[in-house]
C-alpha atoms as a PDB file:
ATOM      1  CA  MET A   1       1.115  -2.223  19.432  1.00  0.00           C
ATOM      2  CA  SER A   2       4.106  -2.761  17.165  1.00  0.00           C
ATOM      3  CA  ILE A   3       3.904   0.780  15.732  1.00  0.00           C
ATOM      4  CA  LYS A   4       2.293   3.762  17.439  1.00  0.00           C
ATOM      5  CA  VAL A   5       2.269   7.167  15.738  1.00  0.00           C
ATOM      6  CA  GLU A   6       0.843  10.104  17.707  1.00  0.00           C
ATOM      7  CA  GLY A   7       0.304  13.593  16.266  1.00  0.00           C
ATOM      8  CA  VAL A   8       3.324  13.523  13.960  1.00  0.00           C
ATOM      9  CA  SER A   9       4.062  16.543  11.789  1.00  0.00           C
ATOM     10  CA  LYS A  10       7.134  17.146   9.663  1.00  0.00           C
ATOM     11  CA  PHE A  11       8.277  20.457   8.211  1.00  0.00           C
ATOM     12  CA  TYR A  12      10.884  21.050   5.514  1.00  0.00           C
ATOM     13  CA  GLY A  13      11.309  24.788   5.843  1.00  0.00           C
ATOM     14  CA  GLU A  14       7.835  26.192   5.273  1.00  0.00           C
ATOM     15  CA  GLN A  15       6.588  23.019   3.577  1.00  0.00           C
ATOM     16  CA  LYS A  16       4.519  20.710   5.770  1.00  0.00           C
ATOM     17  CA  ALA A  17       5.162  17.119   4.613  1.00  0.00           C
ATOM     18  CA  LEU A  18       3.115  15.534   7.421  1.00  0.00           C
ATOM     19  CA  ASP A  19       0.239  17.187   9.255  1.00  0.00           C
ATOM     20  CA  ASN A  20      -0.742  15.761  12.668  1.00  0.00           C
ATOM     21  CA  VAL A  21      -0.644  12.097  11.576  1.00  0.00           C
ATOM     22  CA  SER A  22      -1.759   9.418  14.053  1.00  0.00           C
ATOM     23  CA  PHE A  23      -2.217   5.670  13.580  1.00  0.00           C
ATOM     24  CA  SER A  24      -1.156   2.373  15.098  1.00  0.00           C
ATOM     25  CA  VAL A  25      -0.279  -1.041  13.698  1.00  0.00           C
ATOM     26  CA  GLY A  26      -0.750  -4.216  15.707  1.00  0.00           C
ATOM     27  CA  ALA A  27       1.502  -7.253  15.904  1.00  0.00           C
ATOM     28  CA  LYS A  28       1.403  -9.579  12.886  1.00  0.00           C
ATOM     29  CA  GLU A  29      -0.624  -7.089  10.848  1.00  0.00           C
ATOM     30  CA  VAL A  30       0.066  -6.323   7.187  1.00  0.00           C
ATOM     31  CA  VAL A  31      -0.850  -2.716   6.421  1.00  0.00           C
ATOM     32  CA  GLY A  32      -0.747  -0.984   3.056  1.00  0.00           C
ATOM     33  CA  PHE A  33       0.376   2.648   3.346  1.00  0.00           C
ATOM     34  CA  LEU A  34      -0.892   4.370   0.217  1.00  0.00           C
ATOM     35  CA  GLY A  35      -0.815   7.828  -1.270  1.00  0.00           C
ATOM     36  CA  PRO A  36       0.118   9.754  -4.418  1.00  0.00           C
ATOM     37  CA  ASN A  37       3.659  10.970  -4.982  1.00  0.00           C
ATOM     38  CA  GLY A  38       4.538  13.654  -2.448  1.00  0.00           C
ATOM     39  CA  ALA A  39       1.790  12.627  -0.016  1.00  0.00           C
ATOM     40  CA  GLY A  40       4.239  11.952   2.842  1.00  0.00           C
ATOM     41  CA  LYS A  41       4.557   8.149   2.755  1.00  0.00           C
ATOM     42  CA  SER A  42       8.344   7.954   2.561  1.00  0.00           C
ATOM     43  CA  THR A  43       8.737  10.740   5.120  1.00  0.00           C
ATOM     44  CA  MET A  44       6.576   8.819   7.593  1.00  0.00           C
ATOM     45  CA  MET A  45       8.548   5.626   7.002  1.00  0.00           C
ATOM     46  CA  LYS A  46      11.854   7.446   7.534  1.00  0.00           C
ATOM     47  CA  ILE A  47      10.559   8.775  10.861  1.00  0.00           C
ATOM     48  CA  ILE A  48       9.423   5.319  12.008  1.00  0.00           C
ATOM     49  CA  THR A  49      12.842   3.864  11.150  1.00  0.00           C
ATOM     50  CA  CYS A  50      14.759   6.715  12.890  1.00  0.00           C
ATOM     51  CA  PHE A  51      16.311   8.089   9.698  1.00  0.00           C
ATOM     52  CA  ILE A  52      14.811  11.514  10.398  1.00  0.00           C
ATOM     53  CA  PRO A  53      13.074  12.980  13.472  1.00  0.00           C
ATOM     54  CA  PRO A  54       9.531  14.358  13.488  1.00  0.00           C
ATOM     55  CA  SER A  55       9.051  18.104  13.894  1.00  0.00           C
ATOM     56  CA  GLU A  56       6.135  17.414  16.234  1.00  0.00           C
ATOM     57  CA  GLY A  57       4.599  14.328  17.837  1.00  0.00           C
ATOM     58  CA  ARG A  58       6.103  10.982  18.821  1.00  0.00           C
ATOM     59  CA  VAL A  59       6.512   7.460  17.470  1.00  0.00           C
ATOM     60  CA  GLU A  60       6.954   4.153  19.305  1.00  0.00           C
ATOM     61  CA  VAL A  61       8.091   0.872  17.762  1.00  0.00           C
ATOM     62  CA  CYS A  62       7.631  -2.237  19.913  1.00  0.00           C
ATOM     63  CA  GLY A  63       7.348   0.053  22.943  1.00  0.00           C
ATOM     64  CA  PHE A  64      10.569   1.996  22.208  1.00  0.00           C
ATOM     65  CA  ASP A  65      10.560   5.722  21.510  1.00  0.00           C
ATOM     66  CA  THR A  66      12.183   6.597  18.160  1.00  0.00           C
ATOM     67  CA  ASP A  67      13.636   9.803  19.605  1.00  0.00           C
ATOM     68  CA  LYS A  68      14.957   8.577  22.954  1.00  0.00           C
ATOM     69  CA  GLN A  69      15.636   4.891  22.167  1.00  0.00           C
ATOM     70  CA  SER A  70      16.602   4.897  18.506  1.00  0.00           C
ATOM     71  CA  LEU A  71      19.137   2.067  18.796  1.00  0.00           C
ATOM     72  CA  GLU A  72      16.520  -0.223  20.329  1.00  0.00           C
ATOM     73  CA  VAL A  73      14.068   0.730  17.591  1.00  0.00           C
ATOM     74  CA  ARG A  74      16.616  -0.093  14.887  1.00  0.00           C
ATOM     75  CA  ARG A  75      17.085  -3.556  16.397  1.00  0.00           C
ATOM     76  CA  GLN A  76      13.363  -4.218  15.986  1.00  0.00           C
ATOM     77  CA  VAL A  77      13.033  -2.923  12.436  1.00  0.00           C
ATOM     78  CA  GLY A  78      13.938  -4.111   8.954  1.00  0.00           C
ATOM     79  CA  TYR A  79      13.781  -1.334   6.360  1.00  0.00           C
ATOM     80  CA  LEU A  80      13.771  -1.297   2.576  1.00  0.00           C
ATOM     81  CA  PRO A  81      13.851   2.364   1.474  1.00  0.00           C
ATOM     82  CA  GLU A  82      12.379   3.499  -1.812  1.00  0.00           C
ATOM     83  CA  SER A  83      15.809   4.272  -3.268  1.00  0.00           C
ATOM     84  CA  ASN A  84      17.230   0.884  -2.130  1.00  0.00           C
ATOM     85  CA  PRO A  85      20.843   2.060  -1.576  1.00  0.00           C
ATOM     86  CA  LEU A  86      23.306  -0.751  -2.249  1.00  0.00           C
ATOM     87  CA  TYR A  87      27.089  -1.122  -2.620  1.00  0.00           C
ATOM     88  CA  HIS A  88      27.265  -2.025  -6.298  1.00  0.00           C
ATOM     89  CA  GLU A  89      30.918  -3.022  -6.176  1.00  0.00           C
ATOM     90  CA  MET A  90      30.250  -5.729  -3.565  1.00  0.00           C
ATOM     91  CA  TYR A  91      29.168  -9.284  -4.281  1.00  0.00           C
ATOM     92  CA  VAL A  92      25.687 -10.295  -3.093  1.00  0.00           C
ATOM     93  CA  LYS A  93      26.919 -12.630  -0.344  1.00  0.00           C
ATOM     94  CA  GLU A  94      29.679 -10.206   0.576  1.00  0.00           C
ATOM     95  CA  TYR A  95      27.156  -7.390   1.039  1.00  0.00           C
ATOM     96  CA  LEU A  96      24.802  -9.519   3.118  1.00  0.00           C
ATOM     97  CA  GLY A  97      27.784 -10.614   5.214  1.00  0.00           C
ATOM     98  CA  PHE A  98      28.673  -6.969   5.773  1.00  0.00           C
ATOM     99  CA  VAL A  99      25.101  -6.189   6.933  1.00  0.00           C
ATOM    100  CA  ALA A 100      25.078  -9.287   9.164  1.00  0.00           C
ATOM    101  CA  GLY A 101      28.267  -8.027  10.794  1.00  0.00           C
ATOM    102  CA  LEU A 102      26.674  -4.655  11.535  1.00  0.00           C
ATOM    103  CA  TYR A 103      23.806  -6.398  13.293  1.00  0.00           C
ATOM    104  CA  GLY A 104      26.079  -8.865  15.071  1.00  0.00           C
ATOM    105  CA  ILE A 105      24.035 -11.788  13.775  1.00  0.00           C
ATOM    106  CA  PRO A 106      25.147 -15.162  15.195  1.00  0.00           C
ATOM    107  CA  ASP A 107      25.927 -17.838  12.582  1.00  0.00           C
ATOM    108  CA  PRO A 108      25.706 -15.337   9.698  1.00  0.00           C
ATOM    109  CA  LYS A 109      26.388 -17.905   6.953  1.00  0.00           C
ATOM    110  CA  LYS A 110      23.263 -19.855   7.900  1.00  0.00           C
ATOM    111  CA  ARG A 111      21.097 -16.742   8.077  1.00  0.00           C
ATOM    112  CA  ILE A 112      22.426 -15.398   4.758  1.00  0.00           C
ATOM    113  CA  ALA A 113      21.693 -18.740   3.089  1.00  0.00           C
ATOM    114  CA  GLU A 114      18.119 -18.619   4.462  1.00  0.00           C
ATOM    115  CA  MET A 115      17.545 -15.112   3.104  1.00  0.00           C
ATOM    116  CA  ILE A 116      19.044 -15.946  -0.292  1.00  0.00           C
ATOM    117  CA  GLU A 117      16.639 -18.870  -0.586  1.00  0.00           C
ATOM    118  CA  ALA A 118      13.645 -16.853   0.687  1.00  0.00           C
ATOM    119  CA  THR A 119      14.186 -14.044  -1.826  1.00  0.00           C
ATOM    120  CA  GLY A 120      15.147 -16.236  -4.782  1.00  0.00           C
ATOM    121  CA  LEU A 121      18.687 -14.893  -5.079  1.00  0.00           C
ATOM    122  CA  GLY A 122      20.343 -18.280  -5.452  1.00  0.00           C
ATOM    123  CA  VAL A 123      21.227 -18.049  -9.140  1.00  0.00           C
ATOM    124  CA  GLU A 124      22.659 -14.534  -8.700  1.00  0.00           C
ATOM    125  CA  GLN A 125      24.375 -14.851  -5.315  1.00  0.00           C
ATOM    126  CA  HIS A 126      27.918 -14.977  -6.729  1.00  0.00           C
ATOM    127  CA  LYS A 127      27.548 -11.816  -8.829  1.00  0.00           C
ATOM    128  CA  LYS A 128      28.416  -8.255  -7.989  1.00  0.00           C
ATOM    129  CA  ILE A 129      25.333  -6.207  -7.103  1.00  0.00           C
ATOM    130  CA  GLY A 130      26.102  -3.752  -9.918  1.00  0.00           C
ATOM    131  CA  GLN A 131      25.712  -6.608 -12.431  1.00  0.00           C
ATOM    132  CA  LEU A 132      22.177  -7.449 -11.294  1.00  0.00           C
ATOM    133  CA  SER A 133      18.910  -6.417 -12.920  1.00  0.00           C
ATOM    134  CA  LYS A 134      16.701  -3.939 -11.076  1.00  0.00           C
ATOM    135  CA  GLY A 135      14.447  -6.773  -9.931  1.00  0.00           C
ATOM    136  CA  TYR A 136      17.314  -8.736  -8.389  1.00  0.00           C
ATOM    137  CA  LYS A 137      18.715  -5.607  -6.765  1.00  0.00           C
ATOM    138  CA  GLN A 138      15.315  -5.194  -5.147  1.00  0.00           C
ATOM    139  CA  ARG A 139      15.567  -8.754  -3.853  1.00  0.00           C
ATOM    140  CA  VAL A 140      18.944  -7.958  -2.308  1.00  0.00           C
ATOM    141  CA  GLY A 141      17.300  -5.019  -0.552  1.00  0.00           C
ATOM    142  CA  LEU A 142      14.557  -7.303   0.771  1.00  0.00           C
ATOM    143  CA  ALA A 143      17.128  -9.834   1.954  1.00  0.00           C
ATOM    144  CA  GLN A 144      19.063  -7.212   3.951  1.00  0.00           C
ATOM    145  CA  ALA A 145      15.795  -5.881   5.450  1.00  0.00           C
ATOM    146  CA  MET A 146      14.938  -9.332   6.803  1.00  0.00           C
ATOM    147  CA  LEU A 147      18.465 -10.386   7.731  1.00  0.00           C
ATOM    148  CA  ASN A 148      18.248  -9.483  11.426  1.00  0.00           C
ATOM    149  CA  ASP A 149      14.871 -11.262  11.796  1.00  0.00           C
ATOM    150  CA  PRO A 150      13.089  -8.013  12.768  1.00  0.00           C
ATOM    151  CA  LYS A 151       9.704  -7.848  14.479  1.00  0.00           C
ATOM    152  CA  VAL A 152       8.655  -4.976  12.189  1.00  0.00           C
ATOM    153  CA  LEU A 153       9.245  -4.641   8.439  1.00  0.00           C
ATOM    154  CA  ILE A 154       8.983  -1.246   6.750  1.00  0.00           C
ATOM    155  CA  LEU A 155       8.976  -1.687   2.985  1.00  0.00           C
ATOM    156  CA  ASP A 156       8.821   1.339   0.686  1.00  0.00           C
ATOM    157  CA  GLU A 157       7.741   0.153  -2.784  1.00  0.00           C
ATOM    158  CA  PRO A 158       9.147  -3.385  -2.260  1.00  0.00           C
ATOM    159  CA  THR A 159       8.009  -4.733  -5.646  1.00  0.00           C
ATOM    160  CA  SER A 160       9.340  -1.855  -7.740  1.00  0.00           C
ATOM    161  CA  GLY A 161      11.093  -3.135 -10.859  1.00  0.00           C
ATOM    162  CA  LEU A 162      10.007  -6.763 -10.533  1.00  0.00           C
ATOM    163  CA  ASP A 163       8.619  -8.719 -13.477  1.00  0.00           C
ATOM    164  CA  PRO A 164       5.197 -10.467 -13.163  1.00  0.00           C
ATOM    165  CA  ASN A 165       6.690 -13.776 -12.012  1.00  0.00           C
ATOM    166  CA  GLN A 166       8.899 -12.061  -9.435  1.00  0.00           C
ATOM    167  CA  LEU A 167       5.902 -10.040  -8.235  1.00  0.00           C
ATOM    168  CA  ILE A 168       3.986 -13.189  -7.364  1.00  0.00           C
ATOM    169  CA  GLY A 169       6.917 -14.592  -5.400  1.00  0.00           C
ATOM    170  CA  ILE A 170       7.547 -11.416  -3.406  1.00  0.00           C
ATOM    171  CA  ARG A 171       3.824 -10.956  -2.686  1.00  0.00           C
ATOM    172  CA  GLN A 172       3.645 -14.484  -1.326  1.00  0.00           C
ATOM    173  CA  LEU A 173       6.756 -13.823   0.755  1.00  0.00           C
ATOM    174  CA  ILE A 174       5.287 -10.626   2.262  1.00  0.00           C
ATOM    175  CA  LYS A 175       2.019 -12.390   3.032  1.00  0.00           C
ATOM    176  CA  GLN A 176       3.908 -15.228   4.712  1.00  0.00           C
ATOM    177  CA  LEU A 177       6.019 -12.758   6.710  1.00  0.00           C
ATOM    178  CA  GLY A 178       2.809 -11.136   7.941  1.00  0.00           C
ATOM    179  CA  LYS A 179       1.996 -14.306   9.878  1.00  0.00           C
ATOM    180  CA  GLU A 180       5.051 -13.721  12.067  1.00  0.00           C
ATOM    181  CA  LYS A 181       5.891 -10.008  11.749  1.00  0.00           C
ATOM    182  CA  THR A 182       4.295  -6.596  11.499  1.00  0.00           C
ATOM    183  CA  VAL A 183       4.568  -5.301   7.928  1.00  0.00           C
ATOM    184  CA  LEU A 184       3.968  -1.716   6.807  1.00  0.00           C
ATOM    185  CA  PHE A 185       4.524  -1.245   3.099  1.00  0.00           C
ATOM    186  CA  SER A 186       3.762   1.261   0.403  1.00  0.00           C
ATOM    187  CA  SER A 187       2.800   0.486  -3.167  1.00  0.00           C
ATOM    188  CA  HIS A 188       1.217   2.113  -6.194  1.00  0.00           C
ATOM    189  CA  ILE A 189      -0.212  -1.244  -7.325  1.00  0.00           C
ATOM    190  CA  MET A 190      -3.733  -1.444  -5.901  1.00  0.00           C
ATOM    191  CA  GLN A 191      -4.241  -5.110  -6.817  1.00  0.00           C
ATOM    192  CA  GLU A 192      -1.138  -5.903  -4.798  1.00  0.00           C
ATOM    193  CA  VAL A 193      -2.518  -4.141  -1.742  1.00  0.00           C
ATOM    194  CA  GLU A 194      -5.886  -5.883  -2.064  1.00  0.00           C
ATOM    195  CA  ALA A 195      -4.148  -9.261  -2.321  1.00  0.00           C
ATOM    196  CA  ILE A 196      -1.786  -8.822   0.636  1.00  0.00           C
ATOM    197  CA  CYS A 197      -3.124  -6.355   3.204  1.00  0.00           C
ATOM    198  CA  ASP A 198      -5.237  -6.722   6.302  1.00  0.00           C
ATOM    199  CA  ARG A 199      -5.665  -2.963   6.471  1.00  0.00           C
ATOM    200  CA  VAL A 200      -5.250   0.110   4.285  1.00  0.00           C
ATOM    201  CA  ILE A 201      -4.119   3.591   5.310  1.00  0.00           C
ATOM    202  CA  ILE A 202      -4.400   6.259   2.605  1.00  0.00           C
ATOM    203  CA  ILE A 203      -2.502   9.518   3.075  1.00  0.00           C
ATOM    204  CA  ASP A 204      -2.858  12.620   0.920  1.00  0.00           C
ATOM    205  CA  ARG A 205      -1.062  15.963   1.296  1.00  0.00           C
ATOM    206  CA  GLY A 206       0.362  14.905   4.636  1.00  0.00           C
ATOM    207  CA  ARG A 207      -2.951  13.857   6.204  1.00  0.00           C
ATOM    208  CA  ILE A 208      -4.613  10.475   6.591  1.00  0.00           C
ATOM    209  CA  VAL A 209      -7.837  10.397   4.568  1.00  0.00           C
ATOM    210  CA  THR A 210      -8.879   6.859   5.501  1.00  0.00           C
ATOM    211  CA  ASP A 211      -7.728   4.023   7.764  1.00  0.00           C
ATOM    212  CA  ARG A 212      -9.823   0.863   7.438  1.00  0.00           C
ATOM    213  CA  LYS A 213      -9.672  -2.885   7.024  1.00  0.00           C
ATOM    214  CA  ALA A 214      -8.896  -3.709   3.409  1.00  0.00           C
ATOM    215  CA  SER A 215     -12.156  -5.629   3.073  1.00  0.00           C
ATOM    216  CA  GLU A 216     -14.164  -2.600   4.255  1.00  0.00           C
ATOM    217  CA  VAL A 217     -12.641   0.198   2.164  1.00  0.00           C
ATOM    218  CA  SER A 218     -14.813  -0.244  -0.915  1.00  0.00           C
ATOM    219  CA  ASP A 219     -17.946  -0.951   1.125  1.00  0.00           C
ATOM    220  CA  ALA A 220     -17.487   2.086   3.364  1.00  0.00           C
ATOM    221  CA  LEU A 221     -16.054   4.603   0.920  1.00  0.00           C
ATOM    222  CA  GLY A 222     -16.696   3.180  -2.494  1.00  0.00           C
ATOM    223  CA  GLY A 223     -19.809   3.017  -4.599  1.00  0.00           C
ATOM    224  CA  GLN A 224     -21.457   1.018  -7.311  1.00  0.00           C
ATOM    225  CA  THR A 225     -21.423   1.004 -11.073  1.00  0.00           C
ATOM    226  CA  VAL A 226     -24.551  -0.424 -12.664  1.00  0.00           C
ATOM    227  CA  ILE A 227     -24.389  -1.675 -16.235  1.00  0.00           C
ATOM    228  CA  VAL A 228     -27.951  -1.540 -17.561  1.00  0.00           C
ATOM    229  CA  GLU A 229     -29.490  -2.324 -20.941  1.00  0.00           C
ATOM    230  CA  PHE A 230     -32.772  -0.635 -21.805  1.00  0.00           C
ATOM    231  CA  SER A 231     -35.268  -1.586 -24.516  1.00  0.00           C
ATOM    232  CA  ALA A 232     -35.083   1.927 -25.968  1.00  0.00           C
ATOM    233  CA  GLU A 233     -32.833   4.973 -25.834  1.00  0.00           C
ATOM    234  CA  VAL A 234     -32.871   7.018 -22.608  1.00  0.00           C
ATOM    235  CA  GLY A 235     -31.471  10.441 -21.824  1.00  0.00           C
ATOM    236  CA  ILE A 236     -28.057  10.681 -20.090  1.00  0.00           C
ATOM    237  CA  SER A 237     -29.130  13.799 -18.198  1.00  0.00           C
ATOM    238  CA  ALA A 238     -32.206  11.974 -16.923  1.00  0.00           C
ATOM    239  CA  LEU A 239     -30.062   9.113 -15.601  1.00  0.00           C
ATOM    240  CA  ARG A 240     -27.758  11.575 -13.879  1.00  0.00           C
ATOM    241  CA  ALA A 241     -30.775  13.057 -12.086  1.00  0.00           C
ATOM    242  CA  ILE A 242     -31.390   9.791 -10.182  1.00  0.00           C
ATOM    243  CA  ALA A 243     -30.687  10.157  -6.448  1.00  0.00           C
ATOM    244  CA  THR A 244     -27.014   9.374  -5.437  1.00  0.00           C
ATOM    245  CA  VAL A 245     -25.938   9.033  -9.118  1.00  0.00           C
ATOM    246  CA  LYS A 246     -22.622  10.771  -9.797  1.00  0.00           C
ATOM    247  CA  HIS A 247     -21.963   9.701 -13.372  1.00  0.00           C
ATOM    248  CA  ALA A 248     -23.856   8.146 -16.279  1.00  0.00           C
ATOM    249  CA  ASP A 249     -22.687   7.346 -19.778  1.00  0.00           C
ATOM    250  CA  ARG A 250     -23.648   5.356 -22.836  1.00  0.00           C
ATOM    251  CA  VAL A 251     -21.431   2.330 -23.499  1.00  0.00           C
ATOM    252  CA  GLN A 252     -22.838   1.165 -26.822  1.00  0.00           C
ATOM    253  CA  GLY A 253     -26.269   0.677 -28.373  1.00  0.00           C
ATOM    254  CA  LEU A 254     -28.836   0.721 -25.562  1.00  0.00           C
ATOM    255  CA  THR A 255     -26.341  -0.188 -22.801  1.00  0.00           C
ATOM    256  CA  TYR A 256     -25.429   2.432 -20.189  1.00  0.00           C
ATOM    257  CA  THR A 257     -23.211   2.683 -17.125  1.00  0.00           C
ATOM    258  CA  VAL A 258     -24.553   4.453 -14.052  1.00  0.00           C
ATOM    259  CA  SER A 259     -22.238   5.149 -11.090  1.00  0.00           C
ATOM    260  CA  GLY A 260     -23.092   6.449  -7.649  1.00  0.00           C
ATOM    261  CA  SER A 261     -22.417   6.324  -3.948  1.00  0.00           C
ATOM    262  CA  GLY A 262     -24.651   5.988  -0.923  1.00  0.00           C
ATOM    263  CA  SER A 263     -26.201   3.380   1.335  1.00  0.00           C
ATOM    264  CA  GLU A 264     -29.114   2.551  -0.987  1.00  0.00           C
ATOM    265  CA  ASP A 265     -28.773  -0.160  -3.629  1.00  0.00           C
ATOM    266  CA  LEU A 266     -28.220   1.625  -6.935  1.00  0.00           C
ATOM    267  CA  ARG A 267     -29.973  -1.179  -8.820  1.00  0.00           C
ATOM    268  CA  MET A 268     -33.182  -0.492  -6.897  1.00  0.00           C
ATOM    269  CA  LEU A 269     -32.967   3.238  -7.580  1.00  0.00           C
ATOM    270  CA  VAL A 270     -32.439   2.675 -11.322  1.00  0.00           C
ATOM    271  CA  ALA A 271     -35.283   0.136 -11.452  1.00  0.00           C
ATOM    272  CA  GLN A 272     -37.658   2.526  -9.680  1.00  0.00           C
ATOM    273  CA  TRP A 273     -36.662   5.348 -12.022  1.00  0.00           C
ATOM    274  CA  ALA A 274     -37.252   3.136 -15.080  1.00  0.00           C
ATOM    275  CA  GLN A 275     -40.697   2.109 -13.842  1.00  0.00           C
ATOM    276  CA  GLN A 276     -41.704   5.693 -13.113  1.00  0.00           C
ATOM    277  CA  HIS A 277     -40.657   6.874 -16.568  1.00  0.00           C
ATOM    278  CA  GLY A 278     -42.008   3.888 -18.538  1.00  0.00           C
ATOM    279  CA  HIS A 279     -38.632   2.404 -19.522  1.00  0.00           C
ATOM    280  CA  LEU A 280     -38.130  -1.352 -19.830  1.00  0.00           C
ATOM    281  CA  ILE A 281     -34.888  -2.830 -18.462  1.00  0.00           C
ATOM    282  CA  LEU A 282     -33.599  -5.865 -20.396  1.00  0.00           C
ATOM    283  CA  SER A 283     -30.598  -6.594 -18.150  1.00  0.00           C
ATOM    284  CA  MET A 284     -28.723  -5.052 -15.240  1.00  0.00           C
ATOM    285  CA  ASN A 285     -25.455  -5.965 -13.485  1.00  0.00           C
ATOM    286  CA  VAL A 286     -23.580  -4.201 -10.705  1.00  0.00           C
ATOM    287  CA  GLU A 287     -19.830  -3.873 -10.185  1.00  0.00           C
ATOM    288  CA  GLU A 288     -18.490  -2.819  -6.794  1.00  0.00           C
ATOM    289  CA  GLU A 289     -15.967   0.023  -6.856  1.00  0.00           C
ATOM    290  CA  ARG A 290     -12.443  -1.321  -6.411  1.00  0.00           C
ATOM    291  CA  LEU A 291      -9.708   0.068  -4.167  1.00  0.00           C
ATOM    292  CA  GLU A 292      -8.060   1.805  -7.129  1.00  0.00           C
ATOM    293  CA  ALA A 293     -11.180   3.885  -7.795  1.00  0.00           C
ATOM    294  CA  VAL A 294     -11.545   4.727  -4.098  1.00  0.00           C
ATOM    295  CA  PHE A 295      -7.882   5.796  -3.992  1.00  0.00           C
ATOM    296  CA  GLN A 296      -8.284   8.023  -7.037  1.00  0.00           C
ATOM    297  CA  ARG A 297     -11.359   9.709  -5.602  1.00  0.00           C
ATOM    298  CA  LEU A 298      -9.869  10.287  -2.135  1.00  0.00           C
ATOM    299  CA  THR A 299      -6.624  11.732  -3.513  1.00  0.00           C
ATOM    300  CA  ALA A 300      -8.047  13.707  -6.444  1.00  0.00           C
ATOM    301  CA  THR A 301      -6.260  17.048  -6.897  1.00  0.00           C
ATOM    302  CA  ASP A 302      -9.533  18.946  -7.101  1.00  0.00           C
ATOM    303  CA  ARG A 303     -10.993  17.422  -3.922  1.00  0.00           C
END
């Protein structure tokens, strides 16, 4: 395993930021680490990258213990923190040269040129970092994270501040990196996670609430929304009384949305209900619940 987290808890005074968190990430796996603000995502990433120690539990990266072998861990990891700290008075190439020197990278000019091309920094490489837009500053952060050719990439909100065109490029880059490296990244953009990730871990209030393959999250935890048109008006309360139905509403005219969860096909349940109550269905379509809806339900404040 590239990353192994066992029973990790983190306390800030009396506040528990992480509560007995355990998970592992395999080699060449791209994992989305999701959660609302304050859920513990950044804290977990800081522990994995040796920036802070856990209060309880242990973490291994590429077989090295983050507590006892932190220098070895740092050699295996590339890290882009959420705040993306940069030296704004330095030029782009100067800064990357400085980072290359810290890592002792052989032939740094060649490696810097490769990272500038990979992150699309070419047109801005001769500017001072302080002169760059937020999107290009984020690219500089990505370039430094990949500079030492790490086996594991930890990216905390890597696409923050990027415009739509830049988003596509960075997403493609992360997906390509996942063929060679282990990538753990956080994001608030659910479409991004669905497009890139092999697996999704959702954390809420310091605890993992689900850990599944990205393709299985909606099937296992989601539900269905049926859009149905009747030949005559039906009662909302009657629709809500159908087994497994959680929500029903009128869209317009005689068209209604009916949402529910469970193993049974919601279309069949609605059709049976309509037949039993003498209602004629003119049309019916089903939409699978997307990751965004699953995320909102799992991390709801009133859960």
